[in-house]
Amino acid sequence: AAHAVGKSFLMGVSPLQFKHIDSGNNWYRRGEQNLE
């Protein structure tokens, strides 16, 4: 879509994502193999 209108595309790279605030506001998006 970006290239179709002459724009550039930026691709995100990250190994994992997590949030740890308290017992009711925690999550984890796995990434053990993701970076590679």
PDB file of all heavy atoms in Angstrom:
ATOM      1  N   ALA A   1       0.830  -1.210   0.000  1.00  0.00           N
ATOM      2  CA  ALA A   1       0.000   0.000   0.000  1.00  0.00           C
ATOM      3  C   ALA A   1       0.863   1.259   0.000  1.00  0.00           C
ATOM      4  O   ALA A   1       0.579   2.218  -0.725  1.00  0.00           O
ATOM      5  CB  ALA A   1      -0.943  -0.007   1.201  1.00  0.00           C
ATOM      6  N   ALA A   2       1.930   1.252   0.805  1.00  0.00           N
ATOM      7  CA  ALA A   2       2.830   2.410   0.858  1.00  0.00           C
ATOM      8  C   ALA A   2       3.509   2.629  -0.491  1.00  0.00           C
ATOM      9  O   ALA A   2       3.543   3.747  -1.009  1.00  0.00           O
ATOM     10  CB  ALA A   2       3.874   2.224   1.960  1.00  0.00           C
ATOM     11  N   HIS A   3       4.033   1.577  -1.067  1.00  0.00           N
ATOM     12  CA  HIS A   3       4.723   1.699  -2.353  1.00  0.00           C
ATOM     13  C   HIS A   3       3.771   2.101  -3.479  1.00  0.00           C
ATOM     14  O   HIS A   3       4.179   2.809  -4.414  1.00  0.00           O
ATOM     15  CB  HIS A   3       5.448   0.404  -2.690  1.00  0.00           C
ATOM     16  CG  HIS A   3       6.641   0.161  -1.819  1.00  0.00           C
ATOM     17  ND1 HIS A   3       7.298  -1.047  -1.788  1.00  0.00           N
ATOM     18  CD2 HIS A   3       7.299   0.951  -0.935  1.00  0.00           C
ATOM     19  CE1 HIS A   3       8.318  -0.982  -0.935  1.00  0.00           C
ATOM     20  NE2 HIS A   3       8.320   0.229  -0.397  1.00  0.00           N
ATOM     21  N   ALA A   4       2.511   1.673  -3.389  1.00  0.00           N
ATOM     22  CA  ALA A   4       1.527   2.010  -4.430  1.00  0.00           C
ATOM     23  C   ALA A   4       1.259   3.509  -4.506  1.00  0.00           C
ATOM     24  O   ALA A   4       0.871   4.006  -5.561  1.00  0.00           O
ATOM     25  CB  ALA A   4       0.219   1.260  -4.179  1.00  0.00           C
ATOM     26  N   VAL A   5       1.482   4.217  -3.403  1.00  0.00           N
ATOM     27  CA  VAL A   5       1.261   5.674  -3.402  1.00  0.00           C
ATOM     28  C   VAL A   5       2.574   6.441  -3.274  1.00  0.00           C
ATOM     29  O   VAL A   5       2.599   7.604  -2.893  1.00  0.00           O
ATOM     30  CB  VAL A   5       0.259   6.100  -2.299  1.00  0.00           C
ATOM     31  CG1 VAL A   5      -1.127   5.546  -2.588  1.00  0.00           C
ATOM     32  CG2 VAL A   5       0.739   5.689  -0.915  1.00  0.00           C
ATOM     33  N   GLY A   6       3.687   5.768  -3.580  1.00  0.00           N
ATOM     34  CA  GLY A   6       4.980   6.426  -3.596  1.00  0.00           C
ATOM     35  C   GLY A   6       5.579   6.718  -2.234  1.00  0.00           C
ATOM     36  O   GLY A   6       6.420   7.603  -2.103  1.00  0.00           O
ATOM     37  N   LYS A   7       5.157   5.984  -1.219  1.00  0.00           N
ATOM     38  CA  LYS A   7       5.674   6.182   0.138  1.00  0.00           C
ATOM     39  C   LYS A   7       6.637   5.059   0.506  1.00  0.00           C
ATOM     40  O   LYS A   7       6.672   3.998  -0.117  1.00  0.00           O
ATOM     41  CB  LYS A   7       4.522   6.201   1.156  1.00  0.00           C
ATOM     42  CG  LYS A   7       3.489   7.261   0.914  1.00  0.00           C
ATOM     43  CD  LYS A   7       4.034   8.621   1.232  1.00  0.00           C
ATOM     44  CE  LYS A   7       2.954   9.676   1.056  1.00  0.00           C
ATOM     45  NZ  LYS A   7       3.411  11.000   1.338  1.00  0.00           N
ATOM     46  N   SER A   8       7.416   5.285   1.560  1.00  0.00           N
ATOM     47  CA  SER A   8       8.337   4.277   2.081  1.00  0.00           C
ATOM     48  C   SER A   8       7.635   3.445   3.150  1.00  0.00           C
ATOM     49  O   SER A   8       6.638   3.871   3.723  1.00  0.00           O
ATOM     50  CB  SER A   8       9.554   4.957   2.716  1.00  0.00           C
ATOM     51  OG  SER A   8      10.256   5.714   1.763  1.00  0.00           O
ATOM     52  N   PHE A   9       8.177   2.260   3.403  1.00  0.00           N
ATOM     53  CA  PHE A   9       7.635   1.369   4.434  1.00  0.00           C
ATOM     54  C   PHE A   9       8.710   1.092   5.471  1.00  0.00           C
ATOM     55  O   PHE A   9       9.848   0.784   5.127  1.00  0.00           O
ATOM     56  CB  PHE A   9       7.149   0.054   3.818  1.00  0.00           C
ATOM     57  CG  PHE A   9       6.727  -0.953   4.852  1.00  0.00           C
ATOM     58  CD1 PHE A   9       5.602  -0.741   5.624  1.00  0.00           C
ATOM     59  CD2 PHE A   9       7.474  -2.098   5.066  1.00  0.00           C
ATOM     60  CE1 PHE A   9       5.212  -1.654   6.590  1.00  0.00           C
ATOM     61  CE2 PHE A   9       7.105  -3.027   6.027  1.00  0.00           C
ATOM     62  CZ  PHE A   9       5.959  -2.802   6.782  1.00  0.00           C
ATOM     63  N   LEU A  10       8.335   1.199   6.736  1.00  0.00           N
ATOM     64  CA  LEU A  10       9.225   0.910   7.859  1.00  0.00           C
ATOM     65  C   LEU A  10       8.703  -0.333   8.566  1.00  0.00           C
ATOM     66  O   LEU A  10       7.537  -0.385   8.954  1.00  0.00           O
ATOM     67  CB  LEU A  10       9.243   2.105   8.821  1.00  0.00           C
ATOM     68  CG  LEU A  10      10.272   2.050   9.933  1.00  0.00           C
ATOM     69  CD1 LEU A  10      10.768   3.459  10.244  1.00  0.00           C
ATOM     70  CD2 LEU A  10       9.696   1.428  11.173  1.00  0.00           C
ATOM     71  N   MET A  11       9.544  -1.343   8.723  1.00  0.00           N
ATOM     72  CA  MET A  11       9.166  -2.616   9.341  1.00  0.00           C
ATOM     73  C   MET A  11       9.752  -2.683  10.747  1.00  0.00           C
ATOM     74  O   MET A  11      10.933  -2.445  10.940  1.00  0.00           O
ATOM     75  CB  MET A  11       9.698  -3.769   8.481  1.00  0.00           C
ATOM     76  CG  MET A  11       9.259  -5.132   8.891  1.00  0.00           C
ATOM     77  SD  MET A  11       9.825  -6.312   7.611  1.00  0.00           S
ATOM     78  CE  MET A  11       9.285  -7.849   8.307  1.00  0.00           C
ATOM     79  N   GLY A  12       8.912  -2.996  11.720  1.00  0.00           N
ATOM     80  CA  GLY A  12       9.356  -3.090  13.104  1.00  0.00           C
ATOM     81  C   GLY A  12       9.951  -4.442  13.424  1.00  0.00           C
ATOM     82  O   GLY A  12       9.498  -5.475  12.932  1.00  0.00           O
ATOM     83  N   VAL A  13      11.003  -4.437  14.271  1.00  0.00           N
ATOM     84  CA  VAL A  13      11.679  -5.660  14.703  1.00  0.00           C
ATOM     85  C   VAL A  13      11.865  -5.584  16.212  1.00  0.00           C
ATOM     86  O   VAL A  13      12.355  -4.583  16.733  1.00  0.00           O
ATOM     87  CB  VAL A  13      13.063  -5.798  14.015  1.00  0.00           C
ATOM     88  CG1 VAL A  13      13.812  -6.999  14.555  1.00  0.00           C
ATOM     89  CG2 VAL A  13      12.920  -5.878  12.513  1.00  0.00           C
ATOM     90  N   SER A  14      11.463  -6.634  16.926  1.00  0.00           N
ATOM     91  CA  SER A  14      11.611  -6.663  18.380  1.00  0.00           C
ATOM     92  C   SER A  14      11.565  -8.106  18.859  1.00  0.00           C
ATOM     93  O   SER A  14      10.859  -8.927  18.288  1.00  0.00           O
ATOM     94  CB  SER A  14      10.481  -5.872  19.037  1.00  0.00           C
ATOM     95  OG  SER A  14      10.640  -5.817  20.429  1.00  0.00           O
ATOM     96  N   PRO A  15      12.311  -8.443  19.921  1.00  0.00           N
ATOM     97  CA  PRO A  15      12.322  -9.824  20.385  1.00  0.00           C
ATOM     98  C   PRO A  15      11.098 -10.210  21.209  1.00  0.00           C
ATOM     99  O   PRO A  15      10.620 -11.313  21.107  1.00  0.00           O
ATOM    100  CB  PRO A  15      13.585  -9.915  21.236  1.00  0.00           C
ATOM    101  CG  PRO A  15      13.815  -8.535  21.713  1.00  0.00           C
ATOM    102  CD  PRO A  15      13.312  -7.638  20.621  1.00  0.00           C
ATOM    103  N   LEU A  16      10.574  -9.332  22.038  1.00  0.00           N
ATOM    104  CA  LEU A  16       9.437  -9.655  22.881  1.00  0.00           C
ATOM    105  C   LEU A  16       8.812  -8.367  23.368  1.00  0.00           C
ATOM    106  O   LEU A  16       9.355  -7.288  23.194  1.00  0.00           O
ATOM    107  CB  LEU A  16       9.833 -10.527  24.082  1.00  0.00           C
ATOM    108  CG  LEU A  16      10.834  -9.923  25.083  1.00  0.00           C
ATOM    109  CD1 LEU A  16      10.150  -9.149  26.183  1.00  0.00           C
ATOM    110  CD2 LEU A  16      11.688 -11.028  25.667  1.00  0.00           C
ATOM    111  N   GLN A  17       7.647  -8.476  23.996  1.00  0.00           N
ATOM    112  CA  GLN A  17       6.989  -7.315  24.571  1.00  0.00           C
ATOM    113  C   GLN A  17       6.314  -7.771  25.862  1.00  0.00           C
ATOM    114  O   GLN A  17       5.656  -8.812  25.884  1.00  0.00           O
ATOM    115  CB  GLN A  17       5.954  -6.763  23.596  1.00  0.00           C
ATOM    116  CG  GLN A  17       5.255  -5.521  24.101  1.00  0.00           C
ATOM    117  CD  GLN A  17       4.177  -5.062  23.142  1.00  0.00           C
ATOM    118  OE1 GLN A  17       3.436  -5.872  22.604  1.00  0.00           O
ATOM    119  NE2 GLN A  17       4.079  -3.759  22.937  1.00  0.00           N
ATOM    120  N   PHE A  18       6.498  -7.004  26.922  1.00  0.00           N
ATOM    121  CA  PHE A  18       5.815  -7.355  28.161  1.00  0.00           C
ATOM    122  C   PHE A  18       5.434  -6.119  28.944  1.00  0.00           C
ATOM    123  O   PHE A  18       5.956  -5.032  28.730  1.00  0.00           O
ATOM    124  CB  PHE A  18       6.681  -8.274  29.035  1.00  0.00           C
ATOM    125  CG  PHE A  18       7.821  -7.576  29.730  1.00  0.00           C
ATOM    126  CD1 PHE A  18       7.669  -7.038  30.997  1.00  0.00           C
ATOM    127  CD2 PHE A  18       9.053  -7.468  29.119  1.00  0.00           C
ATOM    128  CE1 PHE A  18       8.724  -6.402  31.637  1.00  0.00           C
ATOM    129  CE2 PHE A  18      10.111  -6.833  29.748  1.00  0.00           C
ATOM    130  CZ  PHE A  18       9.947  -6.301  31.009  1.00  0.00           C
ATOM    131  N   LYS A  19       4.481  -6.329  29.845  1.00  0.00           N
ATOM    132  CA  LYS A  19       4.066  -5.282  30.765  1.00  0.00           C
ATOM    133  C   LYS A  19       3.868  -5.926  32.121  1.00  0.00           C
ATOM    134  O   LYS A  19       3.204  -6.962  32.227  1.00  0.00           O
ATOM    135  CB  LYS A  19       2.756  -4.648  30.293  1.00  0.00           C
ATOM    136  CG  LYS A  19       2.279  -3.506  31.169  1.00  0.00           C
ATOM    137  CD  LYS A  19       1.056  -2.858  30.538  1.00  0.00           C
ATOM    138  CE  LYS A  19       0.663  -1.605  31.272  1.00  0.00           C
ATOM    139  NZ  LYS A  19      -0.445  -0.927  30.576  1.00  0.00           N
ATOM    140  N   HIS A  20       4.458  -5.341  33.153  1.00  0.00           N
ATOM    141  CA  HIS A  20       4.299  -5.858  34.513  1.00  0.00           C
ATOM    142  C   HIS A  20       4.149  -4.678  35.458  1.00  0.00           C
ATOM    143  O   HIS A  20       5.121  -4.012  35.779  1.00  0.00           O
ATOM    144  CB  HIS A  20       5.507  -6.709  34.913  1.00  0.00           C
ATOM    145  CG  HIS A  20       5.351  -7.328  36.269  1.00  0.00           C
ATOM    146  ND1 HIS A  20       4.560  -8.427  36.483  1.00  0.00           N
ATOM    147  CD2 HIS A  20       5.851  -6.970  37.469  1.00  0.00           C
ATOM    148  CE1 HIS A  20       4.606  -8.737  37.762  1.00  0.00           C
ATOM    149  NE2 HIS A  20       5.377  -7.868  38.374  1.00  0.00           N
ATOM    150  N   ILE A  21       2.923  -4.384  35.828  1.00  0.00           N
ATOM    151  CA  ILE A  21       2.639  -3.294  36.752  1.00  0.00           C
ATOM    152  C   ILE A  21       2.178  -3.860  38.085  1.00  0.00           C
ATOM    153  O   ILE A  21       2.721  -3.557  39.125  1.00  0.00           O
ATOM    154  CB  ILE A  21       1.557  -2.344  36.180  1.00  0.00           C
ATOM    155  CG1 ILE A  21       2.033  -1.727  34.868  1.00  0.00           C
ATOM    156  CG2 ILE A  21       1.189  -1.272  37.191  1.00  0.00           C
ATOM    157  CD1 ILE A  21       3.145  -0.721  35.003  1.00  0.00           C
ATOM    158  N   ASP A  22       1.125  -4.666  38.054  1.00  0.00           N
ATOM    159  CA  ASP A  22       0.584  -5.293  39.260  1.00  0.00           C
ATOM    160  C   ASP A  22      -0.132  -6.569  38.835  1.00  0.00           C
ATOM    161  O   ASP A  22      -0.133  -6.924  37.669  1.00  0.00           O
ATOM    162  CB  ASP A  22      -0.343  -4.337  40.010  1.00  0.00           C
ATOM    163  CG  ASP A  22      -1.497  -3.838  39.139  1.00  0.00           C
ATOM    164  OD1 ASP A  22      -2.029  -4.614  38.318  1.00  0.00           O
ATOM    165  OD2 ASP A  22      -1.867  -2.666  39.282  1.00  0.00           O
ATOM    166  N   SER A  23      -0.766  -7.235  39.763  1.00  0.00           N
ATOM    167  CA  SER A  23      -1.364  -8.529  39.438  1.00  0.00           C
ATOM    168  C   SER A  23      -2.520  -8.432  38.448  1.00  0.00           C
ATOM    169  O   SER A  23      -2.877  -9.414  37.823  1.00  0.00           O
ATOM    170  CB  SER A  23      -1.839  -9.230  40.710  1.00  0.00           C
ATOM    171  OG  SER A  23      -2.828  -8.432  41.361  1.00  0.00           O
ATOM    172  N   GLY A  24      -3.093  -7.251  38.256  1.00  0.00           N
ATOM    173  CA  GLY A  24      -4.206  -7.127  37.332  1.00  0.00           C
ATOM    174  C   GLY A  24      -3.864  -6.466  36.013  1.00  0.00           C
ATOM    175  O   GLY A  24      -4.732  -6.285  35.178  1.00  0.00           O
ATOM    176  N   ASN A  25      -2.602  -6.100  35.813  1.00  0.00           N
ATOM    177  CA  ASN A  25      -2.243  -5.360  34.605  1.00  0.00           C
ATOM    178  C   ASN A  25      -0.926  -5.869  34.038  1.00  0.00           C
ATOM    179  O   ASN A  25       0.024  -5.120  33.893  1.00  0.00           O
ATOM    180  CB  ASN A  25      -2.150  -3.870  34.936  1.00  0.00           C
ATOM    181  CG  ASN A  25      -2.185  -3.003  33.695  1.00  0.00           C
ATOM    182  OD1 ASN A  25      -2.411  -3.496  32.594  1.00  0.00           O
ATOM    183  ND2 ASN A  25      -1.941  -1.724  33.863  1.00  0.00           N
ATOM    184  N   ASN A  26      -0.893  -7.153  33.718  1.00  0.00           N
ATOM    185  CA  ASN A  26       0.324  -7.782  33.205  1.00  0.00           C
ATOM    186  C   ASN A  26       0.014  -8.516  31.903  1.00  0.00           C
ATOM    187  O   ASN A  26      -1.043  -9.113  31.773  1.00  0.00           O
ATOM    188  CB  ASN A  26       0.879  -8.798  34.206  1.00  0.00           C
ATOM    189  CG  ASN A  26       1.180  -8.166  35.534  1.00  0.00           C
ATOM    190  OD1 ASN A  26       1.690  -7.062  35.611  1.00  0.00           O
ATOM    191  ND2 ASN A  26       0.848  -8.852  36.608  1.00  0.00           N
ATOM    192  N   TRP A  27       0.944  -8.507  30.961  1.00  0.00           N
ATOM    193  CA  TRP A  27       0.827  -9.319  29.764  1.00  0.00           C
ATOM    194  C   TRP A  27       2.207  -9.531  29.161  1.00  0.00           C
ATOM    195  O   TRP A  27       3.150  -8.838  29.473  1.00  0.00           O
ATOM    196  CB  TRP A  27      -0.140  -8.747  28.750  1.00  0.00           C
ATOM    197  CG  TRP A  27      -0.032  -7.281  28.497  1.00  0.00           C
ATOM    198  CD1 TRP A  27      -0.777  -6.298  29.077  1.00  0.00           C
ATOM    199  CD2 TRP A  27       0.879  -6.616  27.614  1.00  0.00           C
ATOM    200  NE1 TRP A  27      -0.383  -5.077  28.603  1.00  0.00           N
ATOM    201  CE2 TRP A  27       0.624  -5.238  27.708  1.00  0.00           C
ATOM    202  CE3 TRP A  27       1.881  -7.056  26.762  1.00  0.00           C
ATOM    203  CZ2 TRP A  27       1.327  -4.293  26.984  1.00  0.00           C
ATOM    204  CZ3 TRP A  27       2.577  -6.111  26.032  1.00  0.00           C
ATOM    205  CH2 TRP A  27       2.290  -4.759  26.148  1.00  0.00           C
ATOM    206  N   TYR A  28       2.257 -10.507  28.298  1.00  0.00           N
ATOM    207  CA  TYR A  28       3.534 -10.893  27.684  1.00  0.00           C
ATOM    208  C   TYR A  28       3.251 -11.385  26.279  1.00  0.00           C
ATOM    209  O   TYR A  28       2.384 -12.237  26.079  1.00  0.00           O
ATOM    210  CB  TYR A  28       4.177 -12.004  28.514  1.00  0.00           C
ATOM    211  CG  TYR A  28       5.445 -12.573  27.934  1.00  0.00           C
ATOM    212  CD1 TYR A  28       6.589 -11.803  27.844  1.00  0.00           C
ATOM    213  CD2 TYR A  28       5.501 -13.882  27.477  1.00  0.00           C
ATOM    214  CE1 TYR A  28       7.770 -12.317  27.311  1.00  0.00           C
ATOM    215  CE2 TYR A  28       6.672 -14.406  26.954  1.00  0.00           C
ATOM    216  CZ  TYR A  28       7.794 -13.623  26.873  1.00  0.00           C
ATOM    217  OH  TYR A  28       8.952 -14.131  26.342  1.00  0.00           O
ATOM    218  N   ARG A  29       3.938 -10.820  25.313  1.00  0.00           N
ATOM    219  CA  ARG A  29       3.843 -11.296  23.934  1.00  0.00           C
ATOM    220  C   ARG A  29       5.165 -11.964  23.611  1.00  0.00           C
ATOM    221  O   ARG A  29       6.208 -11.337  23.604  1.00  0.00           O
ATOM    222  CB  ARG A  29       3.530 -10.133  23.002  1.00  0.00           C
ATOM    223  CG  ARG A  29       2.136  -9.587  23.306  1.00  0.00           C
ATOM    224  CD  ARG A  29       1.826  -8.377  22.515  1.00  0.00           C
ATOM    225  NE  ARG A  29       1.483  -8.763  21.146  1.00  0.00           N
ATOM    226  CZ  ARG A  29       1.197  -7.871  20.216  1.00  0.00           C
ATOM    227  NH1 ARG A  29       1.214  -6.583  20.473  1.00  0.00           N
ATOM    228  NH2 ARG A  29       0.897  -8.275  19.003  1.00  0.00           N
ATOM    229  N   ARG A  30       5.095 -13.237  23.362  1.00  0.00           N
ATOM    230  CA  ARG A  30       6.283 -14.077  23.273  1.00  0.00           C
ATOM    231  C   ARG A  30       7.238 -13.623  22.184  1.00  0.00           C
ATOM    232  O   ARG A  30       6.853 -13.013  21.210  1.00  0.00           O
ATOM    233  CB  ARG A  30       5.866 -15.523  23.026  1.00  0.00           C
ATOM    234  CG  ARG A  30       5.036 -16.058  24.179  1.00  0.00           C
ATOM    235  CD  ARG A  30       4.708 -17.479  23.946  1.00  0.00           C
ATOM    236  NE  ARG A  30       5.913 -18.261  24.157  1.00  0.00           N
ATOM    237  CZ  ARG A  30       5.908 -19.457  24.717  1.00  0.00           C
ATOM    238  NH1 ARG A  30       4.802 -19.992  25.121  1.00  0.00           N
ATOM    239  NH2 ARG A  30       7.032 -20.110  24.864  1.00  0.00           N
ATOM    240  N   GLY A  31       8.489 -13.983  22.377  1.00  0.00           N
ATOM    241  CA  GLY A  31       9.475 -13.615  21.387  1.00  0.00           C
ATOM    242  C   GLY A  31      10.747 -14.416  21.505  1.00  0.00           C
ATOM    243  O   GLY A  31      11.797 -13.974  21.070  1.00  0.00           O
ATOM    244  N   GLU A  32      10.660 -15.604  22.100  1.00  0.00           N
ATOM    245  CA  GLU A  32      11.869 -16.402  22.301  1.00  0.00           C
ATOM    246  C   GLU A  32      12.617 -16.647  21.002  1.00  0.00           C
ATOM    247  O   GLU A  32      13.834 -16.681  20.975  1.00  0.00           O
ATOM    248  CB  GLU A  32      11.525 -17.755  22.951  1.00  0.00           C
ATOM    249  CG  GLU A  32      11.062 -17.666  24.381  1.00  0.00           C
ATOM    250  CD  GLU A  32       9.561 -17.461  24.530  1.00  0.00           C
ATOM    251  OE1 GLU A  32       8.889 -17.103  23.544  1.00  0.00           O
ATOM    252  OE2 GLU A  32       9.053 -17.641  25.631  1.00  0.00           O
ATOM    253  N   GLN A  33      11.893 -16.860  19.924  1.00  0.00           N
ATOM    254  CA  GLN A  33      12.520 -17.098  18.620  1.00  0.00           C
ATOM    255  C   GLN A  33      12.318 -15.927  17.669  1.00  0.00           C
ATOM    256  O   GLN A  33      12.831 -15.928  16.559  1.00  0.00           O
ATOM    257  CB  GLN A  33      11.903 -18.340  17.964  1.00  0.00           C
ATOM    258  CG  GLN A  33      12.009 -19.605  18.769  1.00  0.00           C
ATOM    259  CD  GLN A  33      11.328 -20.732  18.027  1.00  0.00           C
ATOM    260  OE1 GLN A  33      11.745 -21.094  16.933  1.00  0.00           O
ATOM    261  NE2 GLN A  33      10.286 -21.287  18.596  1.00  0.00           N
ATOM    262  N   ASN A  34      11.576 -14.949  18.099  1.00  0.00           N
ATOM    263  CA  ASN A  34      11.090 -13.915  17.195  1.00  0.00           C
ATOM    264  C   ASN A  34      12.195 -13.115  16.518  1.00  0.00           C
ATOM    265  O   ASN A  34      12.125 -12.857  15.327  1.00  0.00           O
ATOM    266  CB  ASN A  34      10.160 -12.971  17.955  1.00  0.00           C
ATOM    267  CG  ASN A  34       9.306 -12.142  17.041  1.00  0.00           C
ATOM    268  OD1 ASN A  34       8.819 -12.621  16.027  1.00  0.00           O
ATOM    269  ND2 ASN A  34       9.137 -10.889  17.390  1.00  0.00           N
ATOM    270  N   LEU A  35      13.201 -12.695  17.259  1.00  0.00           N
ATOM    271  CA  LEU A  35      14.212 -11.811  16.695  1.00  0.00           C
ATOM    272  C   LEU A  35      14.945 -12.457  15.520  1.00  0.00           C
ATOM    273  O   LEU A  35      15.095 -11.846  14.461  1.00  0.00           O
ATOM    274  CB  LEU A  35      15.202 -11.381  17.778  1.00  0.00           C
ATOM    275  CG  LEU A  35      16.083 -10.196  17.453  1.00  0.00           C
ATOM    276  CD1 LEU A  35      15.260  -8.965  17.117  1.00  0.00           C
ATOM    277  CD2 LEU A  35      17.013  -9.907  18.608  1.00  0.00           C
ATOM    278  N   GLU A  36      15.351 -13.672  15.691  1.00  0.00           N
ATOM    279  CA  GLU A  36      16.072 -14.389  14.628  1.00  0.00           C
ATOM    280  C   GLU A  36      15.225 -14.487  13.357  1.00  0.00           C
ATOM    281  O   GLU A  36      15.681 -14.184  12.257  1.00  0.00           O
ATOM    282  CB  GLU A  36      16.441 -15.791  15.123  1.00  0.00           C
ATOM    283  CG  GLU A  36      17.019 -16.686  14.080  1.00  0.00           C
ATOM    284  CD  GLU A  36      17.225 -18.103  14.582  1.00  0.00           C
ATOM    285  OE1 GLU A  36      17.063 -18.370  15.788  1.00  0.00           O
ATOM    286  OE2 GLU A  36      17.546 -18.951  13.736  1.00  0.00           O
TER     287      GLU A  36
END
